């Protein structure tokens, strides 16, 4: 059997399919059972980038079956209209993927972990709070998307203004108007002309906008479906429901995405008896997406964490 294959995940109650890549450990034997780790991509990304292109094969090499999937309405996954970034739908994807794994005889569903990167980290945390099939949770530069969009608006009144615009656009579309798709990356030259200096903003433009990780149809959002994000908190009820072992890896260079602060908040709020915050000095948010030195430092924590927490009993 190859070390990698694609999968189409279709579950009852869905009217579309989720596209996923499954990576297998060395010397894979389909007659045996293996622990598995589901890996979620950042906001506006797709599985071919950091989740499936970097972390999935590395964790597979460490002995796990890994599943990197495209969010519904994004990447190669189905769902119309395209580019919906609705936290409740993103969270539901994790349960659909777990359902799929439950039917694979070589997956030990009692040894199922989850890893989320950037906004995928916030979604992974939220999903695992209520889908108890996930036994261990890790985030790499994980971010709370709800907090990010609210702060991005600039003020409480600006958030309300944004919601009014979302409502107006949704009404217009219901009456036949074209969809409004936001996003797209400026060039680094444009960013400098505009005076952008934040480390995360500049590194994000380089990551998504150059050959480093450029992929089609990324970094777009459908304006009319953004309302739910403004009222969402990835860590809501973490004090009550987040009890699984938790590993949070962040870079020590804070930036505009806010993962450094979110990581500290998550560990503080989590009810988990076993929880660890790892701050990697000299590392920024996007360094942890694909830069070999920084990814290796994250893997030095991730592989032992999942090996210990998903060990056979």
C-alpha atoms as a PDB file:
ATOM      1  CA  UNK A   1       0.000   0.000   0.000  1.00  0.00           C
ATOM      2  CA  UNK A   2       1.362   3.494  -0.799  1.00  0.00           C
ATOM      3  CA  UNK A   3       2.327   5.911   1.980  1.00  0.00           C
ATOM      4  CA  UNK A   4      -0.290   8.352   0.761  1.00  0.00           C
ATOM      5  CA  UNK A   5      -3.762   8.263  -0.791  1.00  0.00           C
ATOM      6  CA  UNK A   6      -6.658  10.615  -1.377  1.00  0.00           C
ATOM      7  CA  UNK A   7     -10.079  10.072   0.148  1.00  0.00           C
ATOM      8  CA  UNK A   8     -13.569  11.419  -0.399  1.00  0.00           C
ATOM      9  CA  UNK A   9     -15.518  11.687   2.840  1.00  0.00           C
ATOM     10  CA  UNK A  10     -19.271  11.563   2.491  1.00  0.00           C
ATOM     11  CA  UNK A  11     -21.546  11.241   5.505  1.00  0.00           C
ATOM     12  CA  UNK A  12     -25.258  11.073   6.083  1.00  0.00           C
ATOM     13  CA  UNK A  13     -26.744  14.516   6.515  1.00  0.00           C
ATOM     14  CA  UNK A  14     -24.204  16.190   4.229  1.00  0.00           C
ATOM     15  CA  UNK A  15     -24.956  17.262   0.684  1.00  0.00           C
ATOM     16  CA  UNK A  16     -21.305  17.520  -0.274  1.00  0.00           C
ATOM     17  CA  UNK A  17     -18.048  15.619   0.195  1.00  0.00           C
ATOM     18  CA  UNK A  18     -14.871  16.458   2.088  1.00  0.00           C
ATOM     19  CA  UNK A  19     -11.574  15.937   0.285  1.00  0.00           C
ATOM     20  CA  UNK A  20      -8.787  14.470   2.372  1.00  0.00           C
ATOM     21  CA  UNK A  21      -5.275  13.084   2.079  1.00  0.00           C
ATOM     22  CA  UNK A  22      -4.416  10.060   4.212  1.00  0.00           C
ATOM     23  CA  UNK A  23      -0.781   9.399   5.066  1.00  0.00           C
ATOM     24  CA  UNK A  24       0.352   6.004   6.333  1.00  0.00           C
ATOM     25  CA  UNK A  25       3.225   5.144   8.666  1.00  0.00           C
ATOM     26  CA  UNK A  26       6.284   3.216   7.485  1.00  0.00           C
ATOM     27  CA  UNK A  27       5.725  -0.508   6.921  1.00  0.00           C
ATOM     28  CA  UNK A  28       1.980  -0.012   7.129  1.00  0.00           C
ATOM     29  CA  UNK A  29       0.028  -3.254   7.581  1.00  0.00           C
ATOM     30  CA  UNK A  30      -3.705  -2.998   6.909  1.00  0.00           C
ATOM     31  CA  UNK A  31      -4.340  -6.011   9.143  1.00  0.00           C
ATOM     32  CA  UNK A  32      -3.138  -4.025  12.175  1.00  0.00           C
ATOM     33  CA  UNK A  33      -4.679  -1.034  13.987  1.00  0.00           C
ATOM     34  CA  UNK A  34      -2.939   2.320  14.289  1.00  0.00           C
ATOM     35  CA  UNK A  35      -3.461   5.569  16.173  1.00  0.00           C
ATOM     36  CA  UNK A  36      -4.587   8.429  13.955  1.00  0.00           C
ATOM     37  CA  UNK A  37      -4.233  12.206  13.961  1.00  0.00           C
ATOM     38  CA  UNK A  38      -6.617  14.505  12.084  1.00  0.00           C
ATOM     39  CA  UNK A  39      -4.942  17.724  10.914  1.00  0.00           C
ATOM     40  CA  UNK A  40      -6.764  20.977  10.131  1.00  0.00           C
ATOM     41  CA  UNK A  41      -5.452  23.729   7.866  1.00  0.00           C
ATOM     42  CA  UNK A  42      -5.383  27.474   8.624  1.00  0.00           C
ATOM     43  CA  UNK A  43      -8.117  29.924   7.692  1.00  0.00           C
ATOM     44  CA  UNK A  44      -8.225  30.407   3.934  1.00  0.00           C
ATOM     45  CA  UNK A  45      -5.689  27.658   3.251  1.00  0.00           C
ATOM     46  CA  UNK A  46      -5.917  24.118   1.883  1.00  0.00           C
ATOM     47  CA  UNK A  47      -4.513  20.715   2.703  1.00  0.00           C
ATOM     48  CA  UNK A  48      -1.671  20.843   0.165  1.00  0.00           C
ATOM     49  CA  UNK A  49       0.031  23.533   2.232  1.00  0.00           C
ATOM     50  CA  UNK A  50       1.135  23.237   5.865  1.00  0.00           C
ATOM     51  CA  UNK A  51      -1.393  20.703   7.187  1.00  0.00           C
ATOM     52  CA  UNK A  52      -1.023  18.037   4.510  1.00  0.00           C
ATOM     53  CA  UNK A  53       2.222  19.075   2.882  1.00  0.00           C
ATOM     54  CA  UNK A  54       4.280  19.435   6.066  1.00  0.00           C
ATOM     55  CA  UNK A  55       2.811  18.067   9.293  1.00  0.00           C
ATOM     56  CA  UNK A  56       0.827  15.090   7.957  1.00  0.00           C
ATOM     57  CA  UNK A  57       3.808  13.256   6.421  1.00  0.00           C
ATOM     58  CA  UNK A  58       6.032  14.041   9.402  1.00  0.00           C
ATOM     59  CA  UNK A  59       3.545  12.643  11.920  1.00  0.00           C
ATOM     60  CA  UNK A  60       2.935   9.651   9.664  1.00  0.00           C
ATOM     61  CA  UNK A  61       6.672   8.977   9.700  1.00  0.00           C
ATOM     62  CA  UNK A  62       6.431   8.993  13.503  1.00  0.00           C
ATOM     63  CA  UNK A  63       3.964   6.092  13.395  1.00  0.00           C
ATOM     64  CA  UNK A  64       0.512   7.592  12.954  1.00  0.00           C
ATOM     65  CA  UNK A  65      -2.130   7.462  10.273  1.00  0.00           C
ATOM     66  CA  UNK A  66      -2.703  11.133   9.515  1.00  0.00           C
ATOM     67  CA  UNK A  67      -5.623  12.776   7.744  1.00  0.00           C
ATOM     68  CA  UNK A  68      -5.318  16.295   6.345  1.00  0.00           C
ATOM     69  CA  UNK A  69      -8.630  17.552   4.979  1.00  0.00           C
ATOM     70  CA  UNK A  70      -9.959  20.575   3.132  1.00  0.00           C
ATOM     71  CA  UNK A  71     -12.679  22.454   4.962  1.00  0.00           C
ATOM     72  CA  UNK A  72     -16.154  22.195   3.522  1.00  0.00           C
ATOM     73  CA  UNK A  73     -16.759  24.856   0.845  1.00  0.00           C
ATOM     74  CA  UNK A  74     -13.015  25.295   0.384  1.00  0.00           C
ATOM     75  CA  UNK A  75     -10.125  23.659  -1.467  1.00  0.00           C
ATOM     76  CA  UNK A  76     -11.099  20.411  -3.170  1.00  0.00           C
ATOM     77  CA  UNK A  77     -14.008  19.782  -0.812  1.00  0.00           C
ATOM     78  CA  UNK A  78     -17.568  20.250  -1.974  1.00  0.00           C
ATOM     79  CA  UNK A  79     -20.205  22.699  -0.873  1.00  0.00           C
ATOM     80  CA  UNK A  80     -21.852  25.673  -2.517  1.00  0.00           C
ATOM     81  CA  UNK A  81     -21.507  28.607  -2.519  1.00  0.00           C
ATOM     82  CA  UNK A  82     -17.731  28.574  -2.296  1.00  0.00           C
ATOM     83  CA  UNK A  83     -15.475  30.215   0.303  1.00  0.00           C
ATOM     84  CA  UNK A  84     -17.834  29.960   3.266  1.00  0.00           C
ATOM     85  CA  UNK A  85     -15.890  30.438   6.522  1.00  0.00           C
ATOM     86  CA  UNK A  86     -18.522  29.554   9.105  1.00  0.00           C
ATOM     87  CA  UNK A  87     -17.051  28.302  12.409  1.00  0.00           C
ATOM     88  CA  UNK A  88     -19.941  25.937  13.119  1.00  0.00           C
ATOM     89  CA  UNK A  89     -19.460  24.231   9.742  1.00  0.00           C
ATOM     90  CA  UNK A  90     -15.690  24.109  10.170  1.00  0.00           C
ATOM     91  CA  UNK A  91     -16.133  22.447  13.562  1.00  0.00           C
ATOM     92  CA  UNK A  92     -18.636  19.934  12.174  1.00  0.00           C
ATOM     93  CA  UNK A  93     -16.053  18.785   9.618  1.00  0.00           C
ATOM     94  CA  UNK A  94     -14.020  17.170  12.392  1.00  0.00           C
ATOM     95  CA  UNK A  95     -16.893  14.882  13.314  1.00  0.00           C
ATOM     96  CA  UNK A  96     -17.445  13.909   9.679  1.00  0.00           C
ATOM     97  CA  UNK A  97     -13.771  12.983   9.399  1.00  0.00           C
ATOM     98  CA  UNK A  98     -13.951  10.958  12.626  1.00  0.00           C
ATOM     99  CA  UNK A  99     -17.027   9.156  11.267  1.00  0.00           C
ATOM    100  CA  UNK A 100     -15.029   8.212   8.182  1.00  0.00           C
ATOM    101  CA  UNK A 101     -12.142   6.898  10.241  1.00  0.00           C
ATOM    102  CA  UNK A 102     -14.526   4.866  12.379  1.00  0.00           C
ATOM    103  CA  UNK A 103     -15.264   2.684   9.340  1.00  0.00           C
ATOM    104  CA  UNK A 104     -11.596   1.964   8.572  1.00  0.00           C
ATOM    105  CA  UNK A 105     -10.539  -1.329  10.173  1.00  0.00           C
ATOM    106  CA  UNK A 106      -6.900  -0.256  10.484  1.00  0.00           C
ATOM    107  CA  UNK A 107      -7.714   2.853  12.568  1.00  0.00           C
ATOM    108  CA  UNK A 108      -7.998   2.497  16.340  1.00  0.00           C
ATOM    109  CA  UNK A 109     -10.628   5.111  17.045  1.00  0.00           C
ATOM    110  CA  UNK A 110      -9.848   4.922  20.754  1.00  0.00           C
ATOM    111  CA  UNK A 111      -6.466   6.439  19.862  1.00  0.00           C
ATOM    112  CA  UNK A 112      -7.586   9.457  17.853  1.00  0.00           C
ATOM    113  CA  UNK A 113      -5.845  12.812  18.135  1.00  0.00           C
ATOM    114  CA  UNK A 114      -6.261  16.174  16.463  1.00  0.00           C
ATOM    115  CA  UNK A 115      -3.824  18.874  15.389  1.00  0.00           C
ATOM    116  CA  UNK A 116      -4.911  22.299  14.220  1.00  0.00           C
ATOM    117  CA  UNK A 117      -2.759  25.004  12.666  1.00  0.00           C
ATOM    118  CA  UNK A 118      -3.575  28.730  12.969  1.00  0.00           C
ATOM    119  CA  UNK A 119      -7.377  29.095  12.786  1.00  0.00           C
ATOM    120  CA  UNK A 120      -7.595  25.339  12.369  1.00  0.00           C
ATOM    121  CA  UNK A 121      -6.218  25.140  15.892  1.00  0.00           C
ATOM    122  CA  UNK A 122      -9.143  27.059  17.320  1.00  0.00           C
ATOM    123  CA  UNK A 123     -11.556  24.890  15.355  1.00  0.00           C
ATOM    124  CA  UNK A 124      -9.816  21.700  16.512  1.00  0.00           C
ATOM    125  CA  UNK A 125     -10.094  22.741  20.154  1.00  0.00           C
ATOM    126  CA  UNK A 126     -13.754  23.582  19.811  1.00  0.00           C
ATOM    127  CA  UNK A 127     -14.521  20.337  17.986  1.00  0.00           C
ATOM    128  CA  UNK A 128     -12.770  18.163  20.549  1.00  0.00           C
ATOM    129  CA  UNK A 129     -14.699  19.733  23.421  1.00  0.00           C
ATOM    130  CA  UNK A 130     -17.894  18.042  22.274  1.00  0.00           C
ATOM    131  CA  UNK A 131     -16.687  15.190  20.054  1.00  0.00           C
ATOM    132  CA  UNK A 132     -15.106  13.037  22.720  1.00  0.00           C
ATOM    133  CA  UNK A 133     -13.657  10.618  20.203  1.00  0.00           C
ATOM    134  CA  UNK A 134     -10.712  12.986  20.058  1.00  0.00           C
ATOM    135  CA  UNK A 135      -8.468  11.908  22.922  1.00  0.00           C
ATOM    136  CA  UNK A 136      -5.562  14.350  22.583  1.00  0.00           C
ATOM    137  CA  UNK A 137      -5.380  17.896  21.202  1.00  0.00           C
ATOM    138  CA  UNK A 138      -2.436  19.867  19.846  1.00  0.00           C
ATOM    139  CA  UNK A 139      -2.264  23.250  18.199  1.00  0.00           C
ATOM    140  CA  UNK A 140       0.570  24.855  16.277  1.00  0.00           C
ATOM    141  CA  UNK A 141       0.362  28.644  16.351  1.00  0.00           C
ATOM    142  CA  UNK A 142      -3.388  28.137  16.959  1.00  0.00           C
ATOM    143  CA  UNK A 143      -5.639  31.182  16.731  1.00  0.00           C
ATOM    144  CA  UNK A 144      -9.145  32.103  17.855  1.00  0.00           C
ATOM    145  CA  UNK A 145     -10.807  33.199  14.613  1.00  0.00           C
ATOM    146  CA  UNK A 146     -13.701  34.944  16.329  1.00  0.00           C
ATOM    147  CA  UNK A 147     -11.366  37.119  18.366  1.00  0.00           C
ATOM    148  CA  UNK A 148      -9.305  37.817  15.261  1.00  0.00           C
ATOM    149  CA  UNK A 149     -12.199  39.132  13.143  1.00  0.00           C
ATOM    150  CA  UNK A 150     -13.658  41.190  15.991  1.00  0.00           C
ATOM    151  CA  UNK A 151     -10.346  42.872  16.709  1.00  0.00           C
ATOM    152  CA  UNK A 152      -9.731  43.291  13.003  1.00  0.00           C
ATOM    153  CA  UNK A 153     -12.840  45.443  12.782  1.00  0.00           C
ATOM    154  CA  UNK A 154     -11.206  47.929  15.158  1.00  0.00           C
ATOM    155  CA  UNK A 155     -13.933  48.641  17.723  1.00  0.00           C
ATOM    156  CA  UNK A 156     -17.233  47.380  19.078  1.00  0.00           C
ATOM    157  CA  UNK A 157     -19.173  49.824  16.907  1.00  0.00           C
ATOM    158  CA  UNK A 158     -17.156  48.741  13.879  1.00  0.00           C
ATOM    159  CA  UNK A 159     -18.083  45.105  14.546  1.00  0.00           C
ATOM    160  CA  UNK A 160     -21.746  46.096  14.463  1.00  0.00           C
ATOM    161  CA  UNK A 161     -21.161  48.049  11.255  1.00  0.00           C
ATOM    162  CA  UNK A 162     -19.549  44.950   9.716  1.00  0.00           C
ATOM    163  CA  UNK A 163     -22.531  42.828  10.724  1.00  0.00           C
ATOM    164  CA  UNK A 164     -24.883  45.343   9.126  1.00  0.00           C
ATOM    165  CA  UNK A 165     -22.901  45.050   5.897  1.00  0.00           C
ATOM    166  CA  UNK A 166     -23.015  41.257   6.076  1.00  0.00           C
ATOM    167  CA  UNK A 167     -26.773  41.354   6.574  1.00  0.00           C
ATOM    168  CA  UNK A 168     -27.252  43.762   3.663  1.00  0.00           C
ATOM    169  CA  UNK A 169     -25.120  41.622   1.358  1.00  0.00           C
ATOM    170  CA  UNK A 170     -26.973  38.447   2.304  1.00  0.00           C
ATOM    171  CA  UNK A 171     -30.301  40.138   1.598  1.00  0.00           C
ATOM    172  CA  UNK A 172     -28.997  41.372  -1.741  1.00  0.00           C
ATOM    173  CA  UNK A 173     -27.885  37.871  -2.713  1.00  0.00           C
ATOM    174  CA  UNK A 174     -31.258  36.458  -1.714  1.00  0.00           C
ATOM    175  CA  UNK A 175     -32.740  38.928  -4.197  1.00  0.00           C
ATOM    176  CA  UNK A 176     -30.442  37.858  -7.006  1.00  0.00           C
ATOM    177  CA  UNK A 177     -27.259  39.868  -6.539  1.00  0.00           C
ATOM    178  CA  UNK A 178     -23.844  38.377  -7.221  1.00  0.00           C
ATOM    179  CA  UNK A 179     -21.849  36.927  -4.360  1.00  0.00           C
ATOM    180  CA  UNK A 180     -19.280  39.237  -2.803  1.00  0.00           C
ATOM    181  CA  UNK A 181     -15.980  37.440  -2.272  1.00  0.00           C
ATOM    182  CA  UNK A 182     -13.425  39.176  -0.057  1.00  0.00           C
ATOM    183  CA  UNK A 183      -9.725  38.468   0.186  1.00  0.00           C
ATOM    184  CA  UNK A 184      -6.754  37.921  -2.017  1.00  0.00           C
ATOM    185  CA  UNK A 185      -3.167  38.788  -1.237  1.00  0.00           C
ATOM    186  CA  UNK A 186      -1.341  42.011  -2.097  1.00  0.00           C
ATOM    187  CA  UNK A 187       2.244  41.740  -3.253  1.00  0.00           C
ATOM    188  CA  UNK A 188       5.098  42.405  -0.850  1.00  0.00           C
ATOM    189  CA  UNK A 189       5.844  45.570  -2.822  1.00  0.00           C
ATOM    190  CA  UNK A 190       2.271  46.795  -2.321  1.00  0.00           C
ATOM    191  CA  UNK A 191       2.427  45.958   1.380  1.00  0.00           C
ATOM    192  CA  UNK A 192       5.536  48.053   1.797  1.00  0.00           C
ATOM    193  CA  UNK A 193       3.985  50.920  -0.153  1.00  0.00           C
ATOM    194  CA  UNK A 194       0.973  50.799   2.168  1.00  0.00           C
ATOM    195  CA  UNK A 195       3.190  50.893   5.231  1.00  0.00           C
ATOM    196  CA  UNK A 196       2.403  47.371   6.437  1.00  0.00           C
ATOM    197  CA  UNK A 197       5.055  46.345   8.961  1.00  0.00           C
ATOM    198  CA  UNK A 198       3.465  43.624  11.104  1.00  0.00           C
ATOM    199  CA  UNK A 199       5.552  40.464  11.000  1.00  0.00           C
ATOM    200  CA  UNK A 200       2.554  38.170  10.528  1.00  0.00           C
ATOM    201  CA  UNK A 201       1.073  40.291   7.738  1.00  0.00           C
ATOM    202  CA  UNK A 202       4.325  40.422   5.788  1.00  0.00           C
ATOM    203  CA  UNK A 203       5.159  36.764   6.328  1.00  0.00           C
ATOM    204  CA  UNK A 204       1.604  35.782   5.378  1.00  0.00           C
ATOM    205  CA  UNK A 205       1.896  37.637   2.089  1.00  0.00           C
ATOM    206  CA  UNK A 206       5.184  35.892   1.378  1.00  0.00           C
ATOM    207  CA  UNK A 207       3.794  32.482   2.350  1.00  0.00           C
ATOM    208  CA  UNK A 208       0.554  32.597   0.377  1.00  0.00           C
ATOM    209  CA  UNK A 209       1.579  34.943  -2.410  1.00  0.00           C
ATOM    210  CA  UNK A 210       4.842  33.445  -3.638  1.00  0.00           C
ATOM    211  CA  UNK A 211       6.085  30.077  -4.804  1.00  0.00           C
ATOM    212  CA  UNK A 212       6.747  29.198  -1.171  1.00  0.00           C
ATOM    213  CA  UNK A 213       3.156  27.983  -0.754  1.00  0.00           C
ATOM    214  CA  UNK A 214       0.991  29.563  -3.450  1.00  0.00           C
ATOM    215  CA  UNK A 215      -2.105  27.487  -4.221  1.00  0.00           C
ATOM    216  CA  UNK A 216      -5.216  28.355  -6.271  1.00  0.00           C
ATOM    217  CA  UNK A 217      -8.407  29.555  -4.608  1.00  0.00           C
ATOM    218  CA  UNK A 218      -6.984  30.382  -1.194  1.00  0.00           C
ATOM    219  CA  UNK A 219      -7.503  33.313   1.158  1.00  0.00           C
ATOM    220  CA  UNK A 220     -11.018  34.160   0.021  1.00  0.00           C
ATOM    221  CA  UNK A 221     -14.143  34.486   2.153  1.00  0.00           C
ATOM    222  CA  UNK A 222     -17.782  34.938   1.222  1.00  0.00           C
ATOM    223  CA  UNK A 223     -18.940  38.204   2.785  1.00  0.00           C
ATOM    224  CA  UNK A 224     -22.578  37.193   3.270  1.00  0.00           C
ATOM    225  CA  UNK A 225     -21.642  34.188   5.444  1.00  0.00           C
ATOM    226  CA  UNK A 226     -19.262  35.987   7.800  1.00  0.00           C
ATOM    227  CA  UNK A 227     -21.837  36.881  10.440  1.00  0.00           C
ATOM    228  CA  UNK A 228     -21.347  33.781  12.578  1.00  0.00           C
ATOM    229  CA  UNK A 229     -17.607  34.412  12.929  1.00  0.00           C
ATOM    230  CA  UNK A 230     -18.100  37.748  14.658  1.00  0.00           C
ATOM    231  CA  UNK A 231     -20.111  36.106  17.432  1.00  0.00           C
ATOM    232  CA  UNK A 232     -17.890  33.061  17.878  1.00  0.00           C
ATOM    233  CA  UNK A 233     -15.260  32.182  20.479  1.00  0.00           C
ATOM    234  CA  UNK A 234     -13.070  29.125  19.874  1.00  0.00           C
ATOM    235  CA  UNK A 235     -12.427  28.730  23.591  1.00  0.00           C
ATOM    236  CA  UNK A 236     -15.991  29.105  24.861  1.00  0.00           C
ATOM    237  CA  UNK A 237     -16.618  26.660  27.738  1.00  0.00           C
ATOM    238  CA  UNK A 238     -12.990  25.480  27.750  1.00  0.00           C
ATOM    239  CA  UNK A 239     -13.119  25.713  31.543  1.00  0.00           C
ATOM    240  CA  UNK A 240     -15.866  23.086  31.530  1.00  0.00           C
ATOM    241  CA  UNK A 241     -15.498  20.915  28.438  1.00  0.00           C
ATOM    242  CA  UNK A 242     -11.838  20.954  27.435  1.00  0.00           C
ATOM    243  CA  UNK A 243     -10.425  18.066  29.474  1.00  0.00           C
ATOM    244  CA  UNK A 244      -8.258  16.082  27.040  1.00  0.00           C
ATOM    245  CA  UNK A 245      -4.445  16.309  27.193  1.00  0.00           C
ATOM    246  CA  UNK A 246      -3.450  19.532  25.455  1.00  0.00           C
ATOM    247  CA  UNK A 247      -0.246  20.718  23.791  1.00  0.00           C
ATOM    248  CA  UNK A 248      -0.060  24.311  22.554  1.00  0.00           C
ATOM    249  CA  UNK A 249       2.949  25.357  20.446  1.00  0.00           C
ATOM    250  CA  UNK A 250       3.453  29.027  19.596  1.00  0.00           C
ATOM    251  CA  UNK A 251       6.261  31.154  18.265  1.00  0.00           C
ATOM    252  CA  UNK A 252       7.923  33.579  20.635  1.00  0.00           C
ATOM    253  CA  UNK A 253       7.594  36.509  18.204  1.00  0.00           C
ATOM    254  CA  UNK A 254       4.073  37.943  18.623  1.00  0.00           C
ATOM    255  CA  UNK A 255       2.286  39.236  15.527  1.00  0.00           C
ATOM    256  CA  UNK A 256      -1.039  40.469  14.268  1.00  0.00           C
ATOM    257  CA  UNK A 257      -2.666  37.042  13.965  1.00  0.00           C
ATOM    258  CA  UNK A 258      -2.562  36.866  17.753  1.00  0.00           C
ATOM    259  CA  UNK A 259      -1.608  33.216  18.180  1.00  0.00           C
ATOM    260  CA  UNK A 260       0.927  34.020  20.913  1.00  0.00           C
ATOM    261  CA  UNK A 261      -1.762  35.581  23.086  1.00  0.00           C
ATOM    262  CA  UNK A 262      -4.377  32.983  22.148  1.00  0.00           C
ATOM    263  CA  UNK A 263      -2.025  30.169  23.132  1.00  0.00           C
ATOM    264  CA  UNK A 264      -1.521  31.599  26.596  1.00  0.00           C
ATOM    265  CA  UNK A 265      -5.262  32.144  26.997  1.00  0.00           C
ATOM    266  CA  UNK A 266      -6.133  28.629  25.888  1.00  0.00           C
ATOM    267  CA  UNK A 267      -3.759  26.957  28.320  1.00  0.00           C
ATOM    268  CA  UNK A 268      -4.965  29.195  31.118  1.00  0.00           C
ATOM    269  CA  UNK A 269      -8.632  28.435  30.463  1.00  0.00           C
ATOM    270  CA  UNK A 270      -8.458  24.717  29.631  1.00  0.00           C
ATOM    271  CA  UNK A 271      -9.735  22.308  32.258  1.00  0.00           C
ATOM    272  CA  UNK A 272      -7.249  19.679  31.050  1.00  0.00           C
ATOM    273  CA  UNK A 273      -5.216  18.102  33.823  1.00  0.00           C
ATOM    274  CA  UNK A 274      -2.367  17.642  31.362  1.00  0.00           C
ATOM    275  CA  UNK A 275      -1.619  20.802  29.437  1.00  0.00           C
ATOM    276  CA  UNK A 276       1.563  22.407  28.189  1.00  0.00           C
ATOM    277  CA  UNK A 277       2.385  25.683  26.490  1.00  0.00           C
ATOM    278  CA  UNK A 278       5.562  25.606  24.392  1.00  0.00           C
ATOM    279  CA  UNK A 279       6.932  28.983  23.305  1.00  0.00           C
ATOM    280  CA  UNK A 280       9.615  28.672  20.633  1.00  0.00           C
ATOM    281  CA  UNK A 281      11.951  31.646  20.962  1.00  0.00           C
ATOM    282  CA  UNK A 282      12.921  33.409  17.754  1.00  0.00           C
ATOM    283  CA  UNK A 283      10.015  31.877  15.845  1.00  0.00           C
ATOM    284  CA  UNK A 284       7.113  33.720  14.213  1.00  0.00           C
ATOM    285  CA  UNK A 285       3.652  32.528  13.210  1.00  0.00           C
ATOM    286  CA  UNK A 286       4.394  31.610   9.592  1.00  0.00           C
ATOM    287  CA  UNK A 287       7.792  30.127  10.411  1.00  0.00           C
ATOM    288  CA  UNK A 288       5.832  27.262  11.968  1.00  0.00           C
ATOM    289  CA  UNK A 289       3.954  26.603   8.734  1.00  0.00           C
ATOM    290  CA  UNK A 290       6.858  25.279   6.713  1.00  0.00           C
ATOM    291  CA  UNK A 291      10.313  26.468   7.682  1.00  0.00           C
ATOM    292  CA  UNK A 292      12.341  23.312   8.366  1.00  0.00           C
ATOM    293  CA  UNK A 293      14.182  24.475  11.488  1.00  0.00           C
ATOM    294  CA  UNK A 294      11.028  25.746  13.184  1.00  0.00           C
ATOM    295  CA  UNK A 295       8.825  22.839  12.087  1.00  0.00           C
ATOM    296  CA  UNK A 296      11.456  20.459  13.474  1.00  0.00           C
ATOM    297  CA  UNK A 297      11.271  22.216  16.846  1.00  0.00           C
ATOM    298  CA  UNK A 298       7.489  21.847  16.841  1.00  0.00           C
ATOM    299  CA  UNK A 299       7.753  18.182  15.842  1.00  0.00           C
ATOM    300  CA  UNK A 300      10.131  17.578  18.736  1.00  0.00           C
ATOM    301  CA  UNK A 301       7.118  18.278  20.936  1.00  0.00           C
ATOM    302  CA  UNK A 302       4.281  16.945  18.779  1.00  0.00           C
ATOM    303  CA  UNK A 303       5.579  13.445  18.075  1.00  0.00           C
ATOM    304  CA  UNK A 304       6.290  12.535  21.725  1.00  0.00           C
ATOM    305  CA  UNK A 305       3.007  14.114  22.823  1.00  0.00           C
ATOM    306  CA  UNK A 306       0.859  12.040  20.487  1.00  0.00           C
ATOM    307  CA  UNK A 307       2.984   8.924  21.042  1.00  0.00           C
ATOM    308  CA  UNK A 308       2.392   9.149  24.784  1.00  0.00           C
ATOM    309  CA  UNK A 309      -1.243  10.216  24.715  1.00  0.00           C
ATOM    310  CA  UNK A 310      -2.352   7.800  21.987  1.00  0.00           C
ATOM    311  CA  UNK A 311      -0.418   4.775  23.226  1.00  0.00           C
ATOM    312  CA  UNK A 312      -2.169   1.394  23.180  1.00  0.00           C
ATOM    313  CA  UNK A 313      -3.769   0.451  26.488  1.00  0.00           C
END
